[in-house]
């Protein structure tokens, strides 16, 4: 049974997604810290801004 999302967690995710669009590694950092997803996102953002955004939103949405 999945956990119910509270209004606070939904607002938090929305703010992280907004930050992910502005600066993708920051949104991922706030979600997972300095883990492998952060470094993957940093590399994707350096190669291209759009792949970094897509990855950041994916990481935030699936956690």
PDB file of N, CA and C in Angstrom:
ATOM      1  N   UNK A   1       0.841  -1.175   0.000  1.00  0.00           N
ATOM      2  CA  UNK A   1       0.000   0.000   0.000  1.00  0.00           C
ATOM      3  C   UNK A   1       0.892   1.246   0.000  1.00  0.00           C
ATOM      4  N   UNK A   2       0.763   2.118  -1.002  1.00  0.00           N
ATOM      5  CA  UNK A   2       1.590   3.324  -1.039  1.00  0.00           C
ATOM      6  C   UNK A   2       1.202   4.308   0.059  1.00  0.00           C
ATOM      7  N   UNK A   3       2.175   5.053   0.487  1.00  0.00           N
ATOM      8  CA  UNK A   3       1.918   6.061   1.507  1.00  0.00           C
ATOM      9  C   UNK A   3       1.150   7.236   0.911  1.00  0.00           C
ATOM     10  N   UNK A   4       0.272   7.797   1.702  1.00  0.00           N
ATOM     11  CA  UNK A   4      -0.485   8.967   1.249  1.00  0.00           C
ATOM     12  C   UNK A   4       0.426  10.191   1.268  1.00  0.00           C
ATOM     13  N   UNK A   5       0.300  11.028   0.264  1.00  0.00           N
ATOM     14  CA  UNK A   5       1.094  12.249   0.186  1.00  0.00           C
ATOM     15  C   UNK A   5       0.385  13.348   0.962  1.00  0.00           C
ATOM     16  N   UNK A   6       1.139  14.040   1.771  1.00  0.00           N
ATOM     17  CA  UNK A   6       0.573  15.159   2.497  1.00  0.00           C
ATOM     18  C   UNK A   6       0.687  16.414   1.645  1.00  0.00           C
ATOM     19  N   UNK A   7      -0.037  17.434   2.032  1.00  0.00           N
ATOM     20  CA  UNK A   7       0.017  18.689   1.289  1.00  0.00           C
ATOM     21  C   UNK A   7       1.414  19.302   1.375  1.00  0.00           C
ATOM     22  N   UNK A   8       2.069  19.151   2.532  1.00  0.00           N
ATOM     23  CA  UNK A   8       3.416  19.692   2.691  1.00  0.00           C
ATOM     24  C   UNK A   8       4.412  19.019   1.756  1.00  0.00           C
ATOM     25  N   UNK A   9       4.299  17.705   1.596  1.00  0.00           N
ATOM     26  CA  UNK A   9       5.242  17.025   0.710  1.00  0.00           C
ATOM     27  C   UNK A   9       4.968  17.372  -0.752  1.00  0.00           C
ATOM     28  N   UNK A  10       3.712  17.602  -1.109  1.00  0.00           N
ATOM     29  CA  UNK A  10       3.387  17.996  -2.477  1.00  0.00           C
ATOM     30  C   UNK A  10       3.938  19.388  -2.781  1.00  0.00           C
ATOM     31  N   UNK A  11       3.818  20.298  -1.830  1.00  0.00           N
ATOM     32  CA  UNK A  11       4.364  21.649  -2.019  1.00  0.00           C
ATOM     33  C   UNK A  11       5.885  21.594  -2.082  1.00  0.00           C
ATOM     34  N   UNK A  12       6.485  20.765  -1.243  1.00  0.00           N
ATOM     35  CA  UNK A  12       7.939  20.601  -1.258  1.00  0.00           C
ATOM     36  C   UNK A  12       8.414  20.070  -2.608  1.00  0.00           C
ATOM     37  N   UNK A  13       7.713  19.067  -3.147  1.00  0.00           N
ATOM     38  CA  UNK A  13       8.082  18.526  -4.456  1.00  0.00           C
ATOM     39  C   UNK A  13       7.917  19.570  -5.551  1.00  0.00           C
ATOM     40  N   UNK A  14       6.874  20.371  -5.472  1.00  0.00           N
ATOM     41  CA  UNK A  14       6.655  21.419  -6.467  1.00  0.00           C
ATOM     42  C   UNK A  14       7.792  22.436  -6.436  1.00  0.00           C
ATOM     43  N   UNK A  15       8.216  22.837  -5.253  1.00  0.00           N
ATOM     44  CA  UNK A  15       9.337  23.776  -5.140  1.00  0.00           C
ATOM     45  C   UNK A  15      10.631  23.167  -5.665  1.00  0.00           C
ATOM     46  N   UNK A  16      10.846  21.877  -5.401  1.00  0.00           N
ATOM     47  CA  UNK A  16      12.045  21.209  -5.916  1.00  0.00           C
ATOM     48  C   UNK A  16      12.015  21.130  -7.441  1.00  0.00           C
ATOM     49  N   UNK A  17      10.840  20.900  -8.010  1.00  0.00           N
ATOM     50  CA  UNK A  17      10.731  20.848  -9.470  1.00  0.00           C
ATOM     51  C   UNK A  17      10.986  22.223 -10.078  1.00  0.00           C
ATOM     52  N   UNK A  18      10.484  23.272  -9.448  1.00  0.00           N
ATOM     53  CA  UNK A  18      10.746  24.627  -9.935  1.00  0.00           C
ATOM     54  C   UNK A  18      12.248  24.912  -9.880  1.00  0.00           C
ATOM     55  N   UNK A  19      12.900  24.534  -8.775  1.00  0.00           N
ATOM     56  CA  UNK A  19      14.352  24.710  -8.678  1.00  0.00           C
ATOM     57  C   UNK A  19      15.077  23.855  -9.708  1.00  0.00           C
ATOM     58  N   UNK A  20      14.540  22.672 -10.004  1.00  0.00           N
ATOM     59  CA  UNK A  20      15.159  21.786 -10.984  1.00  0.00           C
ATOM     60  C   UNK A  20      15.105  22.376 -12.385  1.00  0.00           C
ATOM     61  N   UNK A  21      14.081  23.142 -12.674  1.00  0.00           N
ATOM     62  CA  UNK A  21      14.000  23.789 -13.989  1.00  0.00           C
ATOM     63  C   UNK A  21      14.998  24.939 -14.068  1.00  0.00           C
ATOM     64  N   UNK A  22      15.181  25.650 -12.972  1.00  0.00           N
ATOM     65  CA  UNK A  22      16.119  26.770 -12.957  1.00  0.00           C
ATOM     66  C   UNK A  22      17.564  26.270 -12.900  1.00  0.00           C
ATOM     67  N   UNK A  23      17.846  25.350 -11.985  1.00  0.00           N
ATOM     68  CA  UNK A  23      19.193  24.804 -11.791  1.00  0.00           C
ATOM     69  C   UNK A  23      19.055  23.317 -11.438  1.00  0.00           C
ATOM     70  N   UNK A  24      19.083  22.444 -12.441  1.00  0.00           N
ATOM     71  CA  UNK A  24      18.782  21.029 -12.227  1.00  0.00           C
ATOM     72  C   UNK A  24      19.573  20.332 -11.106  1.00  0.00           C
ATOM     73  N   UNK A  25      20.894  20.515 -10.999  1.00  0.00           N
ATOM     74  CA  UNK A  25      21.597  19.812  -9.914  1.00  0.00           C
ATOM     75  C   UNK A  25      21.127  20.221  -8.514  1.00  0.00           C
ATOM     76  N   UNK A  26      20.670  21.445  -8.354  1.00  0.00           N
ATOM     77  CA  UNK A  26      20.187  21.880  -7.047  1.00  0.00           C
ATOM     78  C   UNK A  26      18.929  21.121  -6.649  1.00  0.00           C
ATOM     79  N   UNK A  27      18.011  20.945  -7.581  1.00  0.00           N
ATOM     80  CA  UNK A  27      16.793  20.192  -7.285  1.00  0.00           C
ATOM     81  C   UNK A  27      17.094  18.755  -6.915  1.00  0.00           C
ATOM     82  N   UNK A  28      18.039  18.132  -7.623  1.00  0.00           N
ATOM     83  CA  UNK A  28      18.414  16.753  -7.321  1.00  0.00           C
ATOM     84  C   UNK A  28      19.142  16.689  -5.979  1.00  0.00           C
ATOM     85  N   UNK A  29      20.002  17.648  -5.710  1.00  0.00           N
ATOM     86  CA  UNK A  29      20.714  17.674  -4.432  1.00  0.00           C
ATOM     87  C   UNK A  29      19.738  17.757  -3.269  1.00  0.00           C
ATOM     88  N   UNK A  30      18.728  18.590  -3.389  1.00  0.00           N
ATOM     89  CA  UNK A  30      17.746  18.712  -2.313  1.00  0.00           C
ATOM     90  C   UNK A  30      16.943  17.435  -2.128  1.00  0.00           C
ATOM     91  N   UNK A  31      16.813  16.640  -3.170  1.00  0.00           N
ATOM     92  CA  UNK A  31      16.046  15.401  -3.089  1.00  0.00           C
ATOM     93  C   UNK A  31      16.884  14.230  -2.582  1.00  0.00           C
ATOM     94  N   UNK A  32      18.109  14.058  -3.104  1.00  0.00           N
ATOM     95  CA  UNK A  32      18.891  12.854  -2.785  1.00  0.00           C
ATOM     96  C   UNK A  32      20.246  13.136  -2.160  1.00  0.00           C
ATOM     97  N   UNK A  33      20.663  14.378  -2.072  1.00  0.00           N
ATOM     98  CA  UNK A  33      21.974  14.683  -1.520  1.00  0.00           C
ATOM     99  C   UNK A  33      23.074  14.464  -2.553  1.00  0.00           C
ATOM    100  N   UNK A  34      24.278  14.189  -2.080  1.00  0.00           N
ATOM    101  CA  UNK A  34      25.429  14.035  -2.979  1.00  0.00           C
ATOM    102  C   UNK A  34      25.599  12.581  -3.417  1.00  0.00           C
ATOM    103  N   UNK A  35      24.525  11.957  -3.803  1.00  0.00           N
ATOM    104  CA  UNK A  35      24.572  10.576  -4.272  1.00  0.00           C
ATOM    105  C   UNK A  35      24.869  10.496  -5.749  1.00  0.00           C
ATOM    106  N   UNK A  36      24.720   9.290  -6.300  1.00  0.00           N
ATOM    107  CA  UNK A  36      25.046   9.082  -7.707  1.00  0.00           C
ATOM    108  C   UNK A  36      24.126   9.872  -8.631  1.00  0.00           C
ATOM    109  N   UNK A  37      22.874  10.070  -8.240  1.00  0.00           N
ATOM    110  CA  UNK A  37      21.952  10.819  -9.093  1.00  0.00           C
ATOM    111  C   UNK A  37      22.365  12.280  -9.225  1.00  0.00           C
ATOM    112  N   UNK A  38      22.929  12.836  -8.171  1.00  0.00           N
ATOM    113  CA  UNK A  38      23.416  14.214  -8.245  1.00  0.00           C
ATOM    114  C   UNK A  38      24.527  14.333  -9.283  1.00  0.00           C
ATOM    115  N   UNK A  39      25.496  13.415  -9.239  1.00  0.00           N
ATOM    116  CA  UNK A  39      26.630  13.492 -10.158  1.00  0.00           C
ATOM    117  C   UNK A  39      26.200  13.200 -11.593  1.00  0.00           C
ATOM    118  N   UNK A  40      25.280  12.262 -11.768  1.00  0.00           N
ATOM    119  CA  UNK A  40      24.741  12.005 -13.109  1.00  0.00           C
ATOM    120  C   UNK A  40      24.067  13.258 -13.637  1.00  0.00           C
ATOM    121  N   UNK A  41      23.292  13.907 -12.777  1.00  0.00           N
ATOM    122  CA  UNK A  41      22.586  15.110 -13.208  1.00  0.00           C
ATOM    123  C   UNK A  41      23.548  16.240 -13.520  1.00  0.00           C
ATOM    124  N   UNK A  42      24.599  16.377 -12.748  1.00  0.00           N
ATOM    125  CA  UNK A  42      25.590  17.417 -13.004  1.00  0.00           C
ATOM    126  C   UNK A  42      26.246  17.216 -14.376  1.00  0.00           C
ATOM    127  N   UNK A  43      26.582  15.980 -14.690  1.00  0.00           N
ATOM    128  CA  UNK A  43      27.187  15.687 -15.997  1.00  0.00           C
ATOM    129  C   UNK A  43      26.185  15.943 -17.117  1.00  0.00           C
ATOM    130  N   UNK A  44      24.936  15.497 -16.931  1.00  0.00           N
ATOM    131  CA  UNK A  44      23.918  15.731 -17.956  1.00  0.00           C
ATOM    132  C   UNK A  44      23.683  17.226 -18.170  1.00  0.00           C
ATOM    133  N   UNK A  45      23.692  17.999 -17.093  1.00  0.00           N
ATOM    134  CA  UNK A  45      23.486  19.438 -17.208  1.00  0.00           C
ATOM    135  C   UNK A  45      24.659  20.100 -17.929  1.00  0.00           C
ATOM    136  N   UNK A  46      25.868  19.620 -17.694  1.00  0.00           N
ATOM    137  CA  UNK A  46      27.027  20.175 -18.395  1.00  0.00           C
ATOM    138  C   UNK A  46      26.979  19.856 -19.880  1.00  0.00           C
ATOM    139  N   UNK A  47      26.484  18.667 -20.232  1.00  0.00           N
ATOM    140  CA  UNK A  47      26.367  18.288 -21.645  1.00  0.00           C
ATOM    141  C   UNK A  47      25.209  19.005 -22.330  1.00  0.00           C
ATOM    142  N   UNK A  48      24.171  19.290 -21.578  1.00  0.00           N
ATOM    143  CA  UNK A  48      23.018  19.969 -22.149  1.00  0.00           C
ATOM    144  C   UNK A  48      22.018  20.281 -21.060  1.00  0.00           C
ATOM    145  N   UNK A  49      21.483  21.447 -21.103  1.00  0.00           N
ATOM    146  CA  UNK A  49      20.581  21.908 -20.051  1.00  0.00           C
ATOM    147  C   UNK A  49      19.291  21.075 -20.002  1.00  0.00           C
ATOM    148  N   UNK A  50      18.729  20.756 -21.155  1.00  0.00           N
ATOM    149  CA  UNK A  50      17.461  20.027 -21.224  1.00  0.00           C
ATOM    150  C   UNK A  50      17.588  18.606 -20.657  1.00  0.00           C
ATOM    151  N   UNK A  51      18.629  17.832 -21.004  1.00  0.00           N
ATOM    152  CA  UNK A  51      18.754  16.503 -20.376  1.00  0.00           C
ATOM    153  C   UNK A  51      18.869  16.581 -18.852  1.00  0.00           C
ATOM    154  N   UNK A  52      19.523  17.612 -18.350  1.00  0.00           N
ATOM    155  CA  UNK A  52      19.622  17.800 -16.903  1.00  0.00           C
ATOM    156  C   UNK A  52      18.270  18.051 -16.274  1.00  0.00           C
ATOM    157  N   UNK A  53      17.451  18.853 -16.928  1.00  0.00           N
ATOM    158  CA  UNK A  53      16.107  19.136 -16.416  1.00  0.00           C
ATOM    159  C   UNK A  53      15.259  17.870 -16.414  1.00  0.00           C
ATOM    160  N   UNK A  54      15.305  17.122 -17.506  1.00  0.00           N
ATOM    161  CA  UNK A  54      14.507  15.896 -17.607  1.00  0.00           C
ATOM    162  C   UNK A  54      14.900  14.918 -16.508  1.00  0.00           C
ATOM    163  N   UNK A  55      16.185  14.728 -16.315  1.00  0.00           N
ATOM    164  CA  UNK A  55      16.650  13.812 -15.282  1.00  0.00           C
ATOM    165  C   UNK A  55      16.252  14.298 -13.897  1.00  0.00           C
ATOM    166  N   UNK A  56      16.386  15.581 -13.640  1.00  0.00           N
ATOM    167  CA  UNK A  56      16.054  16.140 -12.316  1.00  0.00           C
ATOM    168  C   UNK A  56      14.572  15.954 -12.006  1.00  0.00           C
ATOM    169  N   UNK A  57      13.719  16.253 -12.959  1.00  0.00           N
ATOM    170  CA  UNK A  57      12.278  16.087 -12.724  1.00  0.00           C
ATOM    171  C   UNK A  57      11.937  14.614 -12.518  1.00  0.00           C
ATOM    172  N   UNK A  58      12.595  13.738 -13.275  1.00  0.00           N
ATOM    173  CA  UNK A  58      12.361  12.304 -13.123  1.00  0.00           C
ATOM    174  C   UNK A  58      12.755  11.839 -11.710  1.00  0.00           C
ATOM    175  N   UNK A  59      13.926  12.253 -11.241  1.00  0.00           N
ATOM    176  CA  UNK A  59      14.383  11.851  -9.914  1.00  0.00           C
ATOM    177  C   UNK A  59      13.437  12.366  -8.838  1.00  0.00           C
ATOM    178  N   UNK A  60      13.014  13.609  -8.950  1.00  0.00           N
ATOM    179  CA  UNK A  60      12.126  14.185  -7.940  1.00  0.00           C
ATOM    180  C   UNK A  60      10.755  13.518  -7.968  1.00  0.00           C
ATOM    181  N   UNK A  61      10.240  13.250  -9.161  1.00  0.00           N
ATOM    182  CA  UNK A  61       8.900  12.683  -9.288  1.00  0.00           C
ATOM    183  C   UNK A  61       8.835  11.230  -8.842  1.00  0.00           C
ATOM    184  N   UNK A  62       9.927  10.482  -8.963  1.00  0.00           N
ATOM    185  CA  UNK A  62       9.877   9.067  -8.610  1.00  0.00           C
ATOM    186  C   UNK A  62      10.237   8.776  -7.171  1.00  0.00           C
ATOM    187  N   UNK A  63      10.606   9.745  -6.414  1.00  0.00           N
ATOM    188  CA  UNK A  63      10.940   9.515  -4.988  1.00  0.00           C
ATOM    189  C   UNK A  63       9.808   9.893  -4.102  1.00  0.00           C
TER     190      UNK A  63
END
